[in-house]
Amino acid sequence: MISQLNAMGITSPMITSFCITILLGVLAFIATRNMQMVPSGLQNVAEWAVESLQNFFNGVMGERLCKKYLPFIATFFIYILFCNYAGLLPLSGHLPGLKAPTSSFNFPMGMALVAFLGIQVVAIRENRSVIKAYKNMLFKPVAFLFPLMLIEMFVKPLSLTLRLYGNIFGEESVTEQLSELCPLIVPVVMQALSVLMGLVQALVFALLCATYWAEAGEIEEEEEALLLKEQLS
């Protein structure tokens, strides 16, 4: 079955990412199907996770932008975290159909392109004008920096891709090589470090996305006051 899927171009990272998507969907459904005023069980864990992420990204994006875009940023973090941890499962990378999606270049690149598209959407939506959005992103603080700002815009997705892919792929490669040299103690230590590495890389990706989106969504103080007035009216 797996060989047939591979022949169709469906790789092990793709199968694993699909399974993670289904798993997260099921967990979200279970956590929210019978919402209680006093949460317990999985609902309590979900609310704690959302509240913690909201408090963290409020300091990065500001309350106004965080309220709008937290679901996307939090999804980046949670999804990438599960994908990273898929590499810690027994026989991951050796069992057909099971491999950490983030250890394949295509997956981080896809996530980075989604984040890049999000930058454009946030900029246009917050500035209410395509011209104004790109004027703020490419010609500020001074117009003569336009070439550098343009290069920076297209470097962002490449940076997100290489950072996530390089760290996860490198960590898995080093762990495998060291495990072959010393199969008793080293694997336990490396697995513990991999847990921390997976968390840090997921957080870094989401944090950079939040920073880029916050920069794209910056507006003048007068416009922010006008938006606040419209929301209150």
C-alpha atoms as a PDB file:
ATOM      1  CA  MET A   1       0.000   0.000   0.000  1.00  0.00           C
ATOM      2  CA  ILE A   2       2.736   2.451   1.013  1.00  0.00           C
ATOM      3  CA  SER A   3       4.798   1.552  -2.048  1.00  0.00           C
ATOM      4  CA  GLN A   4       1.793   2.245  -4.251  1.00  0.00           C
ATOM      5  CA  LEU A   5       1.335   5.651  -2.616  1.00  0.00           C
ATOM      6  CA  ASN A   6       5.031   6.409  -3.085  1.00  0.00           C
ATOM      7  CA  ALA A   7       4.705   5.521  -6.752  1.00  0.00           C
ATOM      8  CA  MET A   8       1.946   8.139  -6.973  1.00  0.00           C
ATOM      9  CA  GLY A   9       4.262  10.763  -5.475  1.00  0.00           C
ATOM     10  CA  ILE A  10       2.807  10.558  -1.956  1.00  0.00           C
ATOM     11  CA  THR A  11       5.780  10.404   0.412  1.00  0.00           C
ATOM     12  CA  SER A  12       6.113   9.364   4.051  1.00  0.00           C
ATOM     13  CA  PRO A  13       6.239  12.994   5.305  1.00  0.00           C
ATOM     14  CA  MET A  14       3.008  13.705   3.415  1.00  0.00           C
ATOM     15  CA  ILE A  15       1.301  10.691   4.998  1.00  0.00           C
ATOM     16  CA  THR A  16       2.503  11.685   8.455  1.00  0.00           C
ATOM     17  CA  SER A  17       1.380  15.304   8.035  1.00  0.00           C
ATOM     18  CA  PHE A  18      -2.040  14.113   6.869  1.00  0.00           C
ATOM     19  CA  CYS A  19      -2.374  11.880   9.933  1.00  0.00           C
ATOM     20  CA  ILE A  20      -1.345  14.780  12.196  1.00  0.00           C
ATOM     21  CA  THR A  21      -3.988  16.987  10.579  1.00  0.00           C
ATOM     22  CA  ILE A  22      -6.647  14.355  11.268  1.00  0.00           C
ATOM     23  CA  LEU A  23      -5.403  13.897  14.845  1.00  0.00           C
ATOM     24  CA  LEU A  24      -5.485  17.622  15.615  1.00  0.00           C
ATOM     25  CA  GLY A  25      -8.948  17.896  14.080  1.00  0.00           C
ATOM     26  CA  VAL A  26     -10.243  15.059  16.259  1.00  0.00           C
ATOM     27  CA  LEU A  27      -8.663  16.534  19.395  1.00  0.00           C
ATOM     28  CA  ALA A  28     -10.176  19.959  18.643  1.00  0.00           C
ATOM     29  CA  PHE A  29     -13.599  18.380  18.104  1.00  0.00           C
ATOM     30  CA  ILE A  30     -13.445  16.420  21.353  1.00  0.00           C
ATOM     31  CA  ALA A  31     -12.220  19.445  23.313  1.00  0.00           C
ATOM     32  CA  THR A  32     -15.032  21.712  22.068  1.00  0.00           C
ATOM     33  CA  ARG A  33     -18.041  19.464  21.524  1.00  0.00           C
ATOM     34  CA  ASN A  34     -19.418  19.893  25.073  1.00  0.00           C
ATOM     35  CA  MET A  35     -18.120  23.234  26.296  1.00  0.00           C
ATOM     36  CA  GLN A  36     -18.496  23.718  30.059  1.00  0.00           C
ATOM     37  CA  MET A  37     -18.404  26.914  32.108  1.00  0.00           C
ATOM     38  CA  VAL A  38     -15.937  25.178  34.425  1.00  0.00           C
ATOM     39  CA  PRO A  39     -13.583  23.393  32.014  1.00  0.00           C
ATOM     40  CA  SER A  40     -12.144  19.978  32.721  1.00  0.00           C
ATOM     41  CA  GLY A  41     -10.228  17.308  30.872  1.00  0.00           C
ATOM     42  CA  LEU A  42      -9.226  18.082  27.292  1.00  0.00           C
ATOM     43  CA  GLN A  43     -11.200  21.332  27.247  1.00  0.00           C
ATOM     44  CA  ASN A  44      -9.151  22.559  30.194  1.00  0.00           C
ATOM     45  CA  VAL A  45      -5.896  21.705  28.414  1.00  0.00           C
ATOM     46  CA  ALA A  46      -7.062  23.398  25.202  1.00  0.00           C
ATOM     47  CA  GLU A  47      -8.144  26.583  26.990  1.00  0.00           C
ATOM     48  CA  TRP A  48      -4.872  26.707  28.925  1.00  0.00           C
ATOM     49  CA  ALA A  49      -2.895  26.326  25.681  1.00  0.00           C
ATOM     50  CA  VAL A  50      -4.878  29.020  23.857  1.00  0.00           C
ATOM     51  CA  GLU A  51      -4.670  31.426  26.790  1.00  0.00           C
ATOM     52  CA  SER A  52      -0.920  30.892  27.165  1.00  0.00           C
ATOM     53  CA  LEU A  53      -0.327  31.498  23.460  1.00  0.00           C
ATOM     54  CA  GLN A  54      -2.544  34.576  23.509  1.00  0.00           C
ATOM     55  CA  ASN A  55      -0.673  36.088  26.451  1.00  0.00           C
ATOM     56  CA  PHE A  56       2.650  35.406  24.746  1.00  0.00           C
ATOM     57  CA  PHE A  57       1.775  36.748  21.303  1.00  0.00           C
ATOM     58  CA  ASN A  58      -0.022  39.781  22.727  1.00  0.00           C
ATOM     59  CA  GLY A  59       3.415  41.082  23.603  1.00  0.00           C
ATOM     60  CA  VAL A  60       4.669  40.455  20.072  1.00  0.00           C
ATOM     61  CA  MET A  61       1.794  41.600  17.868  1.00  0.00           C
ATOM     62  CA  GLY A  62      -0.141  43.899  20.151  1.00  0.00           C
ATOM     63  CA  GLU A  63      -3.635  43.175  21.385  1.00  0.00           C
ATOM     64  CA  ARG A  64      -5.387  44.496  18.261  1.00  0.00           C
ATOM     65  CA  LEU A  65      -3.537  42.316  15.759  1.00  0.00           C
ATOM     66  CA  CYS A  66      -3.262  39.332  18.093  1.00  0.00           C
ATOM     67  CA  LYS A  67      -7.030  39.234  18.506  1.00  0.00           C
ATOM     68  CA  LYS A  68      -7.428  38.986  14.734  1.00  0.00           C
ATOM     69  CA  TYR A  69      -4.599  36.647  13.757  1.00  0.00           C
ATOM     70  CA  LEU A  70      -3.866  34.473  16.802  1.00  0.00           C
ATOM     71  CA  PRO A  71      -5.760  31.468  15.323  1.00  0.00           C
ATOM     72  CA  PHE A  72      -3.350  31.403  12.363  1.00  0.00           C
ATOM     73  CA  ILE A  73      -0.183  31.954  14.425  1.00  0.00           C
ATOM     74  CA  ALA A  74      -1.249  29.406  17.054  1.00  0.00           C
ATOM     75  CA  THR A  75      -2.003  26.886  14.311  1.00  0.00           C
ATOM     76  CA  PHE A  76       1.514  27.330  12.937  1.00  0.00           C
ATOM     77  CA  PHE A  77       2.967  26.611  16.368  1.00  0.00           C
ATOM     78  CA  ILE A  78       0.797  23.620  17.277  1.00  0.00           C
ATOM     79  CA  TYR A  79       0.966  21.977  13.860  1.00  0.00           C
ATOM     80  CA  ILE A  80       4.734  22.360  13.503  1.00  0.00           C
ATOM     81  CA  LEU A  81       5.226  21.142  17.077  1.00  0.00           C
ATOM     82  CA  PHE A  82       3.344  17.910  16.347  1.00  0.00           C
ATOM     83  CA  CYS A  83       5.233  17.496  13.066  1.00  0.00           C
ATOM     84  CA  ASN A  84       8.558  17.918  14.858  1.00  0.00           C
ATOM     85  CA  TYR A  85       7.606  15.418  17.539  1.00  0.00           C
ATOM     86  CA  ALA A  86       6.578  12.871  14.906  1.00  0.00           C
ATOM     87  CA  GLY A  87      10.302  12.324  14.440  1.00  0.00           C
ATOM     88  CA  LEU A  88      10.554  11.074  18.032  1.00  0.00           C
ATOM     89  CA  LEU A  89       8.176   8.171  17.466  1.00  0.00           C
ATOM     90  CA  PRO A  90       9.747   4.695  17.346  1.00  0.00           C
ATOM     91  CA  LEU A  91      10.975   3.719  13.862  1.00  0.00           C
ATOM     92  CA  SER A  92      10.291   7.214  12.525  1.00  0.00           C
ATOM     93  CA  GLY A  93      12.209   7.597   9.278  1.00  0.00           C
ATOM     94  CA  HIS A  94      12.554   3.834   8.941  1.00  0.00           C
ATOM     95  CA  LEU A  95       8.929   2.709   8.945  1.00  0.00           C
ATOM     96  CA  PRO A  96       7.215   3.476   5.601  1.00  0.00           C
ATOM     97  CA  GLY A  97       4.636   6.216   6.045  1.00  0.00           C
ATOM     98  CA  LEU A  98       6.192   7.604   9.228  1.00  0.00           C
ATOM     99  CA  LYS A  99       8.651  10.489   9.060  1.00  0.00           C
ATOM    100  CA  ALA A 100       8.768  13.969  10.572  1.00  0.00           C
ATOM    101  CA  PRO A 101       7.317  16.292   7.888  1.00  0.00           C
ATOM    102  CA  THR A 102       9.639  19.108   8.956  1.00  0.00           C
ATOM    103  CA  SER A 103      12.676  16.966   8.084  1.00  0.00           C
ATOM    104  CA  SER A 104      11.623  17.201   4.417  1.00  0.00           C
ATOM    105  CA  PHE A 105      12.425  20.464   2.633  1.00  0.00           C
ATOM    106  CA  ASN A 106       9.024  20.698   0.957  1.00  0.00           C
ATOM    107  CA  PHE A 107       7.028  20.952   4.173  1.00  0.00           C
ATOM    108  CA  PRO A 108       8.878  23.927   5.752  1.00  0.00           C
ATOM    109  CA  MET A 109       8.855  25.614   2.343  1.00  0.00           C
ATOM    110  CA  GLY A 110       5.067  25.193   2.109  1.00  0.00           C
ATOM    111  CA  MET A 111       4.569  26.611   5.602  1.00  0.00           C
ATOM    112  CA  ALA A 112       6.901  29.518   4.819  1.00  0.00           C
ATOM    113  CA  LEU A 113       4.985  30.335   1.630  1.00  0.00           C
ATOM    114  CA  VAL A 114       1.718  30.369   3.583  1.00  0.00           C
ATOM    115  CA  ALA A 115       3.329  32.747   6.082  1.00  0.00           C
ATOM    116  CA  PHE A 116       4.602  34.921   3.208  1.00  0.00           C
ATOM    117  CA  LEU A 117       1.125  35.082   1.685  1.00  0.00           C
ATOM    118  CA  GLY A 118      -0.190  35.999   5.131  1.00  0.00           C
ATOM    119  CA  ILE A 119       2.164  38.994   5.216  1.00  0.00           C
ATOM    120  CA  GLN A 120       0.616  40.361   2.028  1.00  0.00           C
ATOM    121  CA  VAL A 121      -2.950  39.734   3.223  1.00  0.00           C
ATOM    122  CA  VAL A 122      -2.348  41.352   6.620  1.00  0.00           C
ATOM    123  CA  ALA A 123      -0.644  44.398   5.071  1.00  0.00           C
ATOM    124  CA  ILE A 124      -3.442  45.003   2.555  1.00  0.00           C
ATOM    125  CA  ARG A 125      -6.216  44.309   5.055  1.00  0.00           C
ATOM    126  CA  GLU A 126      -4.827  46.572   7.770  1.00  0.00           C
ATOM    127  CA  ASN A 127      -3.853  49.435   5.461  1.00  0.00           C
ATOM    128  CA  ARG A 128      -7.096  49.117   3.452  1.00  0.00           C
ATOM    129  CA  SER A 129      -5.178  49.753   0.250  1.00  0.00           C
ATOM    130  CA  VAL A 130      -2.747  47.742  -1.867  1.00  0.00           C
ATOM    131  CA  ILE A 131      -0.705  50.838  -2.743  1.00  0.00           C
ATOM    132  CA  LYS A 132      -0.505  52.030   0.839  1.00  0.00           C
ATOM    133  CA  ALA A 133       0.339  48.553   2.102  1.00  0.00           C
ATOM    134  CA  TYR A 134       3.370  48.150  -0.153  1.00  0.00           C
ATOM    135  CA  LYS A 135       4.366  51.768   0.337  1.00  0.00           C
ATOM    136  CA  ASN A 136       4.595  51.146   4.081  1.00  0.00           C
ATOM    137  CA  MET A 137       6.449  47.843   3.653  1.00  0.00           C
ATOM    138  CA  LEU A 138       8.914  48.866   0.939  1.00  0.00           C
ATOM    139  CA  PHE A 139       9.485  52.626   1.255  1.00  0.00           C
ATOM    140  CA  LYS A 140       9.698  53.080   5.023  1.00  0.00           C
ATOM    141  CA  PRO A 141      11.541  54.377   6.946  1.00  0.00           C
ATOM    142  CA  VAL A 142      13.203  56.034   3.922  1.00  0.00           C
ATOM    143  CA  ALA A 143      12.517  55.557   0.212  1.00  0.00           C
ATOM    144  CA  PHE A 144      16.126  54.898  -0.890  1.00  0.00           C
ATOM    145  CA  LEU A 145      16.096  51.639   1.107  1.00  0.00           C
ATOM    146  CA  PHE A 146      13.550  50.212  -1.345  1.00  0.00           C
ATOM    147  CA  PRO A 147      15.982  47.665  -2.935  1.00  0.00           C
ATOM    148  CA  LEU A 148      16.977  46.310   0.475  1.00  0.00           C
ATOM    149  CA  MET A 149      13.377  46.178   1.699  1.00  0.00           C
ATOM    150  CA  LEU A 150      12.338  44.332  -1.467  1.00  0.00           C
ATOM    151  CA  ILE A 151      15.123  41.774  -1.014  1.00  0.00           C
ATOM    152  CA  GLU A 152      14.215  41.397   2.652  1.00  0.00           C
ATOM    153  CA  MET A 153      10.590  40.662   1.756  1.00  0.00           C
ATOM    154  CA  PHE A 154      11.536  37.693  -0.427  1.00  0.00           C
ATOM    155  CA  VAL A 155      14.288  36.502   1.908  1.00  0.00           C
ATOM    156  CA  LYS A 156      11.794  35.995   4.746  1.00  0.00           C
ATOM    157  CA  PRO A 157      10.185  32.795   3.403  1.00  0.00           C
ATOM    158  CA  LEU A 158      13.600  31.408   2.465  1.00  0.00           C
ATOM    159  CA  SER A 159      14.882  32.146   5.959  1.00  0.00           C
ATOM    160  CA  LEU A 160      11.857  30.475   7.584  1.00  0.00           C
ATOM    161  CA  THR A 161      12.289  27.417   5.359  1.00  0.00           C
ATOM    162  CA  LEU A 162      16.008  26.905   5.883  1.00  0.00           C
ATOM    163  CA  ARG A 163      15.864  27.543   9.630  1.00  0.00           C
ATOM    164  CA  LEU A 164      13.148  24.980  10.309  1.00  0.00           C
ATOM    165  CA  TYR A 165      14.340  22.369   7.810  1.00  0.00           C
ATOM    166  CA  GLY A 166      18.019  22.703   8.672  1.00  0.00           C
ATOM    167  CA  ASN A 167      17.550  22.362  12.413  1.00  0.00           C
ATOM    168  CA  ILE A 168      15.161  19.402  12.313  1.00  0.00           C
ATOM    169  CA  PHE A 169      16.981  17.528   9.535  1.00  0.00           C
ATOM    170  CA  GLY A 170      20.339  18.190  11.188  1.00  0.00           C
ATOM    171  CA  GLU A 171      19.104  17.096  14.601  1.00  0.00           C
ATOM    172  CA  GLU A 172      17.705  13.834  13.204  1.00  0.00           C
ATOM    173  CA  SER A 173      20.890  13.119  11.253  1.00  0.00           C
ATOM    174  CA  VAL A 174      23.149  13.732  14.253  1.00  0.00           C
ATOM    175  CA  THR A 175      20.923  11.628  16.516  1.00  0.00           C
ATOM    176  CA  GLU A 176      20.988   8.719  14.056  1.00  0.00           C
ATOM    177  CA  GLN A 177      24.767   8.823  13.647  1.00  0.00           C
ATOM    178  CA  LEU A 178      25.459   9.057  17.387  1.00  0.00           C
ATOM    179  CA  SER A 179      22.961   6.289  18.109  1.00  0.00           C
ATOM    180  CA  GLU A 180      24.895   3.981  15.794  1.00  0.00           C
ATOM    181  CA  LEU A 181      28.164   4.805  17.578  1.00  0.00           C
ATOM    182  CA  CYS A 182      26.784   4.467  21.112  1.00  0.00           C
ATOM    183  CA  PRO A 183      23.352   2.776  21.137  1.00  0.00           C
ATOM    184  CA  LEU A 184      22.908   2.622  24.928  1.00  0.00           C
ATOM    185  CA  ILE A 185      23.102   6.084  26.545  1.00  0.00           C
ATOM    186  CA  VAL A 186      23.358   8.598  23.716  1.00  0.00           C
ATOM    187  CA  PRO A 187      19.877   7.930  22.228  1.00  0.00           C
ATOM    188  CA  VAL A 188      18.195   8.744  25.548  1.00  0.00           C
ATOM    189  CA  VAL A 189      20.089  12.022  25.906  1.00  0.00           C
ATOM    190  CA  MET A 190      19.474  12.983  22.284  1.00  0.00           C
ATOM    191  CA  GLN A 191      15.768  12.187  22.539  1.00  0.00           C
ATOM    192  CA  ALA A 192      15.510  14.528  25.530  1.00  0.00           C
ATOM    193  CA  LEU A 193      17.308  17.257  23.599  1.00  0.00           C
ATOM    194  CA  SER A 194      15.067  16.586  20.601  1.00  0.00           C
ATOM    195  CA  VAL A 195      11.979  17.289  22.705  1.00  0.00           C
ATOM    196  CA  LEU A 196      13.400  20.707  23.563  1.00  0.00           C
ATOM    197  CA  MET A 197      14.577  21.306  19.995  1.00  0.00           C
ATOM    198  CA  GLY A 198      11.157  20.515  18.540  1.00  0.00           C
ATOM    199  CA  LEU A 199       9.475  22.947  20.917  1.00  0.00           C
ATOM    200  CA  VAL A 200      11.999  25.720  20.304  1.00  0.00           C
ATOM    201  CA  GLN A 201      11.845  25.435  16.504  1.00  0.00           C
ATOM    202  CA  ALA A 202       8.038  25.479  16.466  1.00  0.00           C
ATOM    203  CA  LEU A 203       8.054  28.527  18.727  1.00  0.00           C
ATOM    204  CA  VAL A 204      10.703  30.322  16.667  1.00  0.00           C
ATOM    205  CA  PHE A 205       8.769  29.778  13.431  1.00  0.00           C
ATOM    206  CA  ALA A 206       5.521  31.064  14.966  1.00  0.00           C
ATOM    207  CA  LEU A 207       7.331  33.958  16.659  1.00  0.00           C
ATOM    208  CA  LEU A 208       8.964  35.103  13.421  1.00  0.00           C
ATOM    209  CA  CYS A 209       5.633  34.846  11.603  1.00  0.00           C
ATOM    210  CA  ALA A 210       3.976  36.922  14.319  1.00  0.00           C
ATOM    211  CA  THR A 211       6.756  39.517  14.056  1.00  0.00           C
ATOM    212  CA  TYR A 212       6.497  39.715  10.260  1.00  0.00           C
ATOM    213  CA  TRP A 213       2.708  39.988  10.392  1.00  0.00           C
ATOM    214  CA  ALA A 214       2.896  42.658  13.088  1.00  0.00           C
ATOM    215  CA  GLU A 215       5.299  44.698  10.947  1.00  0.00           C
ATOM    216  CA  ALA A 216       3.032  44.319   7.914  1.00  0.00           C
ATOM    217  CA  GLY A 217      -0.014  45.346   9.942  1.00  0.00           C
ATOM    218  CA  GLU A 218       1.506  48.516  11.415  1.00  0.00           C
ATOM    219  CA  ILE A 219      -0.624  51.588  10.825  1.00  0.00           C
ATOM    220  CA  GLU A 220      -0.365  55.235  11.791  1.00  0.00           C
ATOM    221  CA  GLU A 221      -1.618  56.306  15.211  1.00  0.00           C
ATOM    222  CA  GLU A 222      -4.350  58.424  13.640  1.00  0.00           C
ATOM    223  CA  GLU A 223      -5.648  55.450  11.658  1.00  0.00           C
ATOM    224  CA  GLU A 224      -5.524  53.212  14.731  1.00  0.00           C
ATOM    225  CA  ALA A 225      -7.584  55.740  16.663  1.00  0.00           C
ATOM    226  CA  LEU A 226     -10.074  55.845  13.784  1.00  0.00           C
ATOM    227  CA  LEU A 227     -10.336  52.047  13.744  1.00  0.00           C
ATOM    228  CA  LEU A 228     -10.908  52.006  17.496  1.00  0.00           C
ATOM    229  CA  LYS A 229     -13.627  54.621  17.122  1.00  0.00           C
ATOM    230  CA  GLU A 230     -15.335  52.573  14.406  1.00  0.00           C
ATOM    231  CA  GLN A 231     -15.250  49.470  16.575  1.00  0.00           C
ATOM    232  CA  LEU A 232     -16.787  51.301  19.528  1.00  0.00           C
ATOM    233  CA  SER A 233     -19.518  52.963  17.469  1.00  0.00           C
END
